[in-house]
Amino acid sequence: MAKTFPYAEAERLAGEIFGIILDRDADPGGYRYVLHCLESGEKSVKQLVVEFICSDEFLERFVSNRPPAHTARMLTRLMLGRDFENEAESAESTRKFLLQGIKKFVQELAASREYMKEVGSNRLPPLGHQLRPDWLPLDAVEE
């Protein structure tokens, strides 16, 4: 169980979570949720920070349509309060960001109804790296 906060401190933290993570004022329902989590010890501040950063709102507003290196840098600044120390750290963080994102994307594809209908649990995907005639070559796809 996470730390429980007295009302005044939970109230301050709830507002700060919205301001710092989502860069906006709290909406009433979200505020009550965060306040409850902090007062009851249902979730820690860290758990709420991760939950907010992984939210659809955060991803749409701050991650969508941005290059992976930008997102890795922004998340490092947001979570650790610092920039990358050097280009090697930048490259490694971007690599980790991409690999973890790819893993999640593949897991979601494999869990989809379409995959289960077309491929199922006990067969291999039929095309591999071959292209269907109606697909563009991968190197022709704009990034």
N, C-alpha and C. Protein backbone atom coordinates (compact mmCIF):
# COMPACT_ATOMS: atom_id res chain seq x y z
N MET A 1 0.83 -1.18 0.00
CA MET A 1 0.00 0.00 0.00
C MET A 1 0.88 1.25 0.00
N ALA A 2 0.49 2.23 -0.76
CA ALA A 2 1.25 3.47 -0.89
C ALA A 2 1.04 4.36 0.33
N LYS A 3 1.86 5.34 0.46
CA LYS A 3 1.74 6.33 1.53
C LYS A 3 0.39 7.03 1.47
N THR A 4 -0.20 7.29 2.62
CA THR A 4 -1.43 8.08 2.67
C THR A 4 -1.05 9.52 3.00
N PHE A 5 -1.72 10.45 2.33
CA PHE A 5 -1.44 11.86 2.54
C PHE A 5 -2.62 12.54 3.22
N PRO A 6 -2.34 13.48 4.15
CA PRO A 6 -3.44 14.27 4.71
C PRO A 6 -4.09 15.11 3.60
N TYR A 7 -5.33 15.50 3.82
CA TYR A 7 -6.11 16.17 2.78
C TYR A 7 -5.37 17.35 2.14
N ALA A 8 -4.81 18.25 2.94
CA ALA A 8 -4.17 19.45 2.40
C ALA A 8 -3.01 19.09 1.47
N GLU A 9 -2.21 18.11 1.86
CA GLU A 9 -1.07 17.71 1.02
C GLU A 9 -1.54 16.96 -0.23
N ALA A 10 -2.55 16.11 -0.07
CA ALA A 10 -3.12 15.39 -1.22
C ALA A 10 -3.73 16.37 -2.21
N GLU A 11 -4.37 17.40 -1.70
CA GLU A 11 -4.99 18.43 -2.55
C GLU A 11 -3.92 19.16 -3.37
N ARG A 12 -2.83 19.53 -2.72
CA ARG A 12 -1.73 20.21 -3.41
C ARG A 12 -1.12 19.30 -4.47
N LEU A 13 -0.84 18.05 -4.08
CA LEU A 13 -0.22 17.11 -5.01
C LEU A 13 -1.13 16.81 -6.21
N ALA A 14 -2.42 16.69 -5.98
CA ALA A 14 -3.36 16.40 -7.07
C ALA A 14 -3.29 17.51 -8.11
N GLY A 15 -3.30 18.75 -7.66
CA GLY A 15 -3.20 19.87 -8.60
C GLY A 15 -1.87 19.89 -9.33
N GLU A 16 -0.80 19.59 -8.60
CA GLU A 16 0.53 19.59 -9.21
C GLU A 16 0.68 18.48 -10.25
N ILE A 17 0.09 17.32 -10.00
CA ILE A 17 0.19 16.22 -10.97
C ILE A 17 -0.41 16.65 -12.30
N PHE A 18 -1.58 17.27 -12.26
CA PHE A 18 -2.20 17.74 -13.50
C PHE A 18 -1.34 18.82 -14.15
N GLY A 19 -0.87 19.78 -13.35
CA GLY A 19 -0.10 20.89 -13.90
C GLY A 19 1.24 20.45 -14.46
N ILE A 20 1.96 19.63 -13.73
CA ILE A 20 3.30 19.22 -14.15
C ILE A 20 3.25 18.19 -15.29
N ILE A 21 2.38 17.22 -15.20
CA ILE A 21 2.36 16.14 -16.18
C ILE A 21 1.52 16.49 -17.40
N LEU A 22 0.31 16.99 -17.19
CA LEU A 22 -0.58 17.27 -18.33
C LEU A 22 -0.57 18.74 -18.75
N ASP A 23 0.15 19.58 -18.02
CA ASP A 23 0.27 21.00 -18.36
C ASP A 23 -1.10 21.67 -18.47
N ARG A 24 -1.97 21.35 -17.50
CA ARG A 24 -3.30 21.96 -17.47
C ARG A 24 -3.86 21.87 -16.07
N ASP A 25 -4.95 22.61 -15.85
CA ASP A 25 -5.67 22.50 -14.59
C ASP A 25 -6.41 21.18 -14.54
N ALA A 26 -6.65 20.71 -13.34
CA ALA A 26 -7.37 19.45 -13.15
C ALA A 26 -8.84 19.61 -13.49
N ASP A 27 -9.41 18.60 -14.10
CA ASP A 27 -10.86 18.54 -14.27
C ASP A 27 -11.44 17.97 -12.98
N PRO A 28 -12.70 18.27 -12.66
CA PRO A 28 -13.26 17.83 -11.37
C PRO A 28 -13.19 16.33 -11.12
N GLY A 29 -13.56 15.52 -12.11
CA GLY A 29 -13.55 14.07 -11.91
C GLY A 29 -12.15 13.52 -11.73
N GLY A 30 -11.22 13.97 -12.54
CA GLY A 30 -9.83 13.53 -12.42
C GLY A 30 -9.22 13.97 -11.11
N TYR A 31 -9.54 15.18 -10.69
CA TYR A 31 -9.03 15.70 -9.43
C TYR A 31 -9.51 14.84 -8.26
N ARG A 32 -10.81 14.52 -8.26
CA ARG A 32 -11.35 13.67 -7.18
C ARG A 32 -10.66 12.30 -7.17
N TYR A 33 -10.43 11.75 -8.36
CA TYR A 33 -9.76 10.45 -8.47
C TYR A 33 -8.36 10.49 -7.86
N VAL A 34 -7.58 11.49 -8.25
CA VAL A 34 -6.21 11.60 -7.74
C VAL A 34 -6.22 11.86 -6.24
N LEU A 35 -7.10 12.74 -5.81
CA LEU A 35 -7.22 13.04 -4.38
C LEU A 35 -7.54 11.77 -3.58
N HIS A 36 -8.49 10.98 -4.08
CA HIS A 36 -8.84 9.72 -3.42
C HIS A 36 -7.63 8.79 -3.36
N CYS A 37 -6.93 8.64 -4.47
CA CYS A 37 -5.77 7.74 -4.51
C CYS A 37 -4.72 8.15 -3.48
N LEU A 38 -4.49 9.44 -3.35
CA LEU A 38 -3.46 9.93 -2.43
C LEU A 38 -3.90 9.86 -0.98
N GLU A 39 -5.14 10.19 -0.71
CA GLU A 39 -5.63 10.15 0.68
C GLU A 39 -5.75 8.71 1.18
N SER A 40 -6.18 7.81 0.31
CA SER A 40 -6.41 6.43 0.72
C SER A 40 -5.15 5.57 0.66
N GLY A 41 -4.14 6.03 -0.07
CA GLY A 41 -2.94 5.21 -0.28
C GLY A 41 -3.15 4.15 -1.34
N GLU A 42 -4.22 4.29 -2.12
CA GLU A 42 -4.50 3.33 -3.19
C GLU A 42 -3.39 3.33 -4.24
N LYS A 43 -2.83 4.50 -4.51
CA LYS A 43 -1.72 4.62 -5.46
C LYS A 43 -0.71 5.62 -4.93
N SER A 44 0.55 5.39 -5.27
CA SER A 44 1.61 6.33 -4.89
C SER A 44 1.66 7.46 -5.91
N VAL A 45 2.38 8.52 -5.55
CA VAL A 45 2.58 9.62 -6.48
C VAL A 45 3.27 9.09 -7.74
N LYS A 46 4.26 8.23 -7.56
CA LYS A 46 4.98 7.65 -8.70
C LYS A 46 4.02 6.88 -9.60
N GLN A 47 3.14 6.06 -9.03
CA GLN A 47 2.17 5.32 -9.85
C GLN A 47 1.27 6.27 -10.63
N LEU A 48 0.84 7.35 -10.01
CA LEU A 48 -0.01 8.31 -10.70
C LEU A 48 0.75 9.03 -11.81
N VAL A 49 2.01 9.37 -11.56
CA VAL A 49 2.83 10.00 -12.60
C VAL A 49 2.92 9.09 -13.81
N VAL A 50 3.23 7.82 -13.60
CA VAL A 50 3.34 6.87 -14.70
C VAL A 50 1.99 6.71 -15.41
N GLU A 51 0.92 6.61 -14.64
CA GLU A 51 -0.42 6.48 -15.21
C GLU A 51 -0.77 7.69 -16.08
N PHE A 52 -0.46 8.89 -15.61
CA PHE A 52 -0.75 10.09 -16.38
C PHE A 52 0.10 10.17 -17.65
N ILE A 53 1.38 9.82 -17.55
CA ILE A 53 2.24 9.86 -18.73
C ILE A 53 1.82 8.80 -19.74
N CYS A 54 1.29 7.69 -19.30
CA CYS A 54 0.82 6.64 -20.21
C CYS A 54 -0.62 6.87 -20.67
N SER A 55 -1.25 7.95 -20.24
CA SER A 55 -2.64 8.20 -20.61
C SER A 55 -2.77 8.59 -22.08
N ASP A 56 -3.94 8.34 -22.63
CA ASP A 56 -4.21 8.73 -24.01
C ASP A 56 -4.03 10.23 -24.20
N GLU A 57 -4.47 11.01 -23.23
CA GLU A 57 -4.34 12.47 -23.34
C GLU A 57 -2.88 12.88 -23.47
N PHE A 58 -2.03 12.37 -22.59
CA PHE A 58 -0.62 12.73 -22.64
C PHE A 58 0.00 12.29 -23.96
N LEU A 59 -0.26 11.05 -24.34
CA LEU A 59 0.34 10.54 -25.57
C LEU A 59 -0.10 11.34 -26.79
N GLU A 60 -1.36 11.70 -26.84
CA GLU A 60 -1.87 12.48 -27.98
C GLU A 60 -1.29 13.89 -27.99
N ARG A 61 -1.23 14.52 -26.83
CA ARG A 61 -0.79 15.92 -26.77
C ARG A 61 0.72 16.09 -26.87
N PHE A 62 1.49 15.16 -26.30
CA PHE A 62 2.93 15.40 -26.17
C PHE A 62 3.82 14.41 -26.91
N VAL A 63 3.26 13.30 -27.40
CA VAL A 63 4.08 12.27 -28.04
C VAL A 63 3.72 12.09 -29.51
N SER A 64 2.44 12.10 -29.81
CA SER A 64 1.96 11.84 -31.17
C SER A 64 2.62 12.79 -32.18
N ASN A 65 3.05 12.23 -33.29
CA ASN A 65 3.64 12.98 -34.40
C ASN A 65 4.97 13.65 -34.06
N ARG A 66 5.66 13.13 -33.08
CA ARG A 66 6.98 13.66 -32.75
C ARG A 66 8.01 12.55 -32.95
N PRO A 67 9.20 12.92 -33.35
CA PRO A 67 10.24 11.89 -33.55
C PRO A 67 10.60 11.19 -32.23
N PRO A 68 10.98 9.92 -32.30
CA PRO A 68 11.33 9.17 -31.09
C PRO A 68 12.41 9.85 -30.24
N ALA A 69 13.41 10.45 -30.87
CA ALA A 69 14.48 11.11 -30.10
C ALA A 69 13.91 12.28 -29.30
N HIS A 70 12.99 13.03 -29.88
CA HIS A 70 12.36 14.15 -29.17
C HIS A 70 11.59 13.63 -27.96
N THR A 71 10.83 12.55 -28.16
CA THR A 71 10.01 12.01 -27.08
C THR A 71 10.88 11.46 -25.96
N ALA A 72 11.94 10.74 -26.29
CA ALA A 72 12.84 10.21 -25.26
C ALA A 72 13.46 11.35 -24.47
N ARG A 73 13.86 12.42 -25.14
CA ARG A 73 14.44 13.58 -24.46
C ARG A 73 13.40 14.27 -23.57
N MET A 74 12.19 14.46 -24.09
CA MET A 74 11.13 15.12 -23.33
C MET A 74 10.78 14.31 -22.08
N LEU A 75 10.67 12.99 -22.21
CA LEU A 75 10.34 12.15 -21.06
C LEU A 75 11.45 12.15 -20.02
N THR A 76 12.70 12.17 -20.46
CA THR A 76 13.83 12.24 -19.53
C THR A 76 13.79 13.56 -18.77
N ARG A 77 13.53 14.65 -19.48
CA ARG A 77 13.44 15.96 -18.82
C ARG A 77 12.27 15.98 -17.83
N LEU A 78 11.14 15.46 -18.25
CA LEU A 78 9.94 15.48 -17.41
C LEU A 78 10.13 14.63 -16.16
N MET A 79 10.64 13.43 -16.33
CA MET A 79 10.72 12.49 -15.21
C MET A 79 11.96 12.69 -14.34
N LEU A 80 13.09 13.05 -14.95
CA LEU A 80 14.33 13.16 -14.17
C LEU A 80 14.76 14.61 -13.95
N GLY A 81 14.11 15.56 -14.63
CA GLY A 81 14.46 16.96 -14.46
C GLY A 81 15.79 17.34 -15.05
N ARG A 82 16.22 16.60 -16.06
CA ARG A 82 17.50 16.90 -16.69
C ARG A 82 17.46 16.48 -18.15
N ASP A 83 18.41 16.99 -18.90
CA ASP A 83 18.57 16.60 -20.29
C ASP A 83 19.56 15.44 -20.34
N PHE A 84 19.71 14.86 -21.51
CA PHE A 84 20.72 13.82 -21.68
C PHE A 84 22.10 14.39 -21.40
N GLU A 85 22.96 13.56 -20.83
CA GLU A 85 24.30 14.02 -20.52
C GLU A 85 25.19 14.09 -21.75
N ASN A 86 24.90 13.22 -22.74
CA ASN A 86 25.73 13.21 -23.94
C ASN A 86 24.97 12.51 -25.07
N GLU A 87 25.56 12.49 -26.23
CA GLU A 87 24.91 11.87 -27.39
C GLU A 87 24.75 10.36 -27.23
N ALA A 88 25.68 9.72 -26.53
CA ALA A 88 25.55 8.27 -26.32
C ALA A 88 24.32 7.96 -25.47
N GLU A 89 24.09 8.76 -24.43
CA GLU A 89 22.89 8.55 -23.61
C GLU A 89 21.63 8.83 -24.42
N SER A 90 21.68 9.85 -25.25
CA SER A 90 20.54 10.18 -26.11
C SER A 90 20.23 9.03 -27.05
N ALA A 91 21.25 8.50 -27.70
CA ALA A 91 21.05 7.40 -28.64
C ALA A 91 20.53 6.15 -27.94
N GLU A 92 21.07 5.83 -26.77
CA GLU A 92 20.65 4.64 -26.03
C GLU A 92 19.21 4.79 -25.53
N SER A 93 18.87 5.96 -25.02
CA SER A 93 17.50 6.19 -24.55
C SER A 93 16.50 6.12 -25.70
N THR A 94 16.85 6.67 -26.83
CA THR A 94 15.97 6.62 -28.00
C THR A 94 15.81 5.18 -28.47
N ARG A 95 16.89 4.42 -28.47
CA ARG A 95 16.84 3.01 -28.86
C ARG A 95 15.91 2.24 -27.93
N LYS A 96 16.04 2.44 -26.62
CA LYS A 96 15.18 1.76 -25.65
C LYS A 96 13.72 2.16 -25.86
N PHE A 97 13.49 3.45 -26.07
CA PHE A 97 12.13 3.94 -26.30
C PHE A 97 11.51 3.25 -27.50
N LEU A 98 12.24 3.17 -28.59
CA LEU A 98 11.72 2.54 -29.80
C LEU A 98 11.47 1.05 -29.59
N LEU A 99 12.42 0.35 -29.00
CA LEU A 99 12.27 -1.09 -28.80
C LEU A 99 11.09 -1.43 -27.90
N GLN A 100 10.94 -0.69 -26.82
CA GLN A 100 9.82 -0.95 -25.91
C GLN A 100 8.50 -0.65 -26.59
N GLY A 101 8.46 0.42 -27.38
CA GLY A 101 7.25 0.77 -28.12
C GLY A 101 6.90 -0.29 -29.16
N ILE A 102 7.92 -0.82 -29.83
CA ILE A 102 7.69 -1.86 -30.84
C ILE A 102 7.16 -3.12 -30.16
N LYS A 103 7.71 -3.48 -29.02
CA LYS A 103 7.23 -4.66 -28.30
C LYS A 103 5.75 -4.52 -27.95
N LYS A 104 5.38 -3.37 -27.44
CA LYS A 104 3.98 -3.15 -27.07
C LYS A 104 3.09 -3.20 -28.32
N PHE A 105 3.52 -2.60 -29.40
CA PHE A 105 2.75 -2.58 -30.64
C PHE A 105 2.53 -4.00 -31.15
N VAL A 106 3.57 -4.80 -31.15
CA VAL A 106 3.47 -6.19 -31.62
C VAL A 106 2.55 -7.00 -30.70
N GLN A 107 2.65 -6.80 -29.40
CA GLN A 107 1.76 -7.49 -28.46
C GLN A 107 0.30 -7.13 -28.71
N GLU A 108 0.04 -5.85 -29.01
CA GLU A 108 -1.32 -5.43 -29.30
C GLU A 108 -1.82 -6.02 -30.62
N LEU A 109 -0.96 -6.08 -31.64
CA LEU A 109 -1.34 -6.71 -32.90
C LEU A 109 -1.68 -8.18 -32.69
N ALA A 110 -0.84 -8.88 -31.94
CA ALA A 110 -1.05 -10.30 -31.71
C ALA A 110 -2.32 -10.57 -30.88
N ALA A 111 -2.71 -9.62 -30.07
CA ALA A 111 -3.91 -9.78 -29.25
C ALA A 111 -5.19 -9.35 -29.98
N SER A 112 -5.05 -8.81 -31.17
CA SER A 112 -6.21 -8.28 -31.89
C SER A 112 -7.10 -9.39 -32.44
N ARG A 113 -8.36 -9.06 -32.62
CA ARG A 113 -9.30 -10.01 -33.22
C ARG A 113 -8.87 -10.37 -34.64
N GLU A 114 -8.38 -9.38 -35.36
CA GLU A 114 -7.97 -9.62 -36.75
C GLU A 114 -6.85 -10.67 -36.82
N TYR A 115 -5.85 -10.54 -35.94
CA TYR A 115 -4.76 -11.52 -35.93
C TYR A 115 -5.30 -12.91 -35.61
N MET A 116 -6.16 -12.98 -34.58
CA MET A 116 -6.71 -14.28 -34.20
C MET A 116 -7.55 -14.87 -35.32
N LYS A 117 -8.28 -14.05 -36.05
CA LYS A 117 -9.10 -14.53 -37.15
C LYS A 117 -8.25 -14.98 -38.33
N GLU A 118 -7.27 -14.17 -38.69
CA GLU A 118 -6.46 -14.43 -39.89
C GLU A 118 -5.33 -15.43 -39.64
N VAL A 119 -4.77 -15.42 -38.43
CA VAL A 119 -3.59 -16.25 -38.16
C VAL A 119 -3.87 -17.27 -37.06
N GLY A 120 -4.39 -16.82 -35.93
CA GLY A 120 -4.67 -17.72 -34.82
C GLY A 120 -3.47 -17.93 -33.92
N SER A 121 -3.66 -18.73 -32.90
CA SER A 121 -2.62 -18.96 -31.90
C SER A 121 -1.57 -19.97 -32.32
N ASN A 122 -1.91 -20.83 -33.27
CA ASN A 122 -1.02 -21.95 -33.56
C ASN A 122 -0.51 -22.00 -35.00
N ARG A 123 -0.54 -20.84 -35.66
CA ARG A 123 0.01 -20.75 -37.03
C ARG A 123 0.94 -19.56 -37.12
N LEU A 124 1.78 -19.58 -38.14
CA LEU A 124 2.66 -18.44 -38.41
C LEU A 124 1.97 -17.46 -39.34
N PRO A 125 2.30 -16.16 -39.22
CA PRO A 125 1.76 -15.22 -40.20
C PRO A 125 2.19 -15.67 -41.61
N PRO A 126 1.29 -15.60 -42.59
CA PRO A 126 1.54 -16.23 -43.89
C PRO A 126 2.57 -15.54 -44.77
N LEU A 127 2.78 -14.24 -44.63
CA LEU A 127 3.62 -13.55 -45.60
C LEU A 127 5.05 -13.31 -45.16
N GLY A 128 5.33 -13.27 -43.91
CA GLY A 128 6.67 -12.95 -43.46
C GLY A 128 7.09 -11.60 -44.01
N HIS A 129 8.27 -11.53 -44.59
CA HIS A 129 8.76 -10.26 -45.14
C HIS A 129 8.40 -10.09 -46.60
N GLN A 130 7.68 -11.04 -47.16
CA GLN A 130 7.24 -10.91 -48.55
C GLN A 130 6.19 -9.82 -48.64
N LEU A 131 6.12 -9.19 -49.78
CA LEU A 131 5.12 -8.15 -49.98
C LEU A 131 4.00 -8.65 -50.86
N ARG A 132 2.80 -8.26 -50.51
CA ARG A 132 1.69 -8.51 -51.41
C ARG A 132 1.83 -7.57 -52.59
N PRO A 133 1.34 -7.93 -53.76
CA PRO A 133 1.49 -7.08 -54.94
C PRO A 133 0.88 -5.69 -54.78
N ASP A 134 -0.12 -5.53 -53.94
CA ASP A 134 -0.76 -4.23 -53.77
C ASP A 134 -0.10 -3.37 -52.69
N TRP A 135 0.98 -3.84 -52.07
CA TRP A 135 1.67 -3.06 -51.05
C TRP A 135 2.84 -2.31 -51.67
N LEU A 136 3.12 -1.16 -51.14
CA LEU A 136 4.32 -0.44 -51.53
C LEU A 136 5.53 -1.10 -50.88
N PRO A 137 6.69 -1.06 -51.50
CA PRO A 137 7.89 -1.54 -50.81
C PRO A 137 8.12 -0.74 -49.54
N LEU A 138 8.68 -1.37 -48.52
CA LEU A 138 8.86 -0.69 -47.25
C LEU A 138 9.73 0.55 -47.36
N ASP A 139 10.75 0.52 -48.22
CA ASP A 139 11.61 1.68 -48.33
C ASP A 139 10.94 2.84 -49.08
N ALA A 140 9.75 2.62 -49.62
CA ALA A 140 9.02 3.69 -50.30
C ALA A 140 8.07 4.41 -49.34
N VAL A 141 7.91 3.88 -48.14
CA VAL A 141 6.99 4.48 -47.16
C VAL A 141 7.64 5.73 -46.59
N GLU A 142 6.91 6.83 -46.59
CA GLU A 142 7.43 8.07 -46.03
C GLU A 142 7.39 8.00 -44.52
N GLU A 143 8.41 8.56 -43.88
CA GLU A 143 8.46 8.57 -42.42
C GLU A 143 8.10 9.93 -41.90
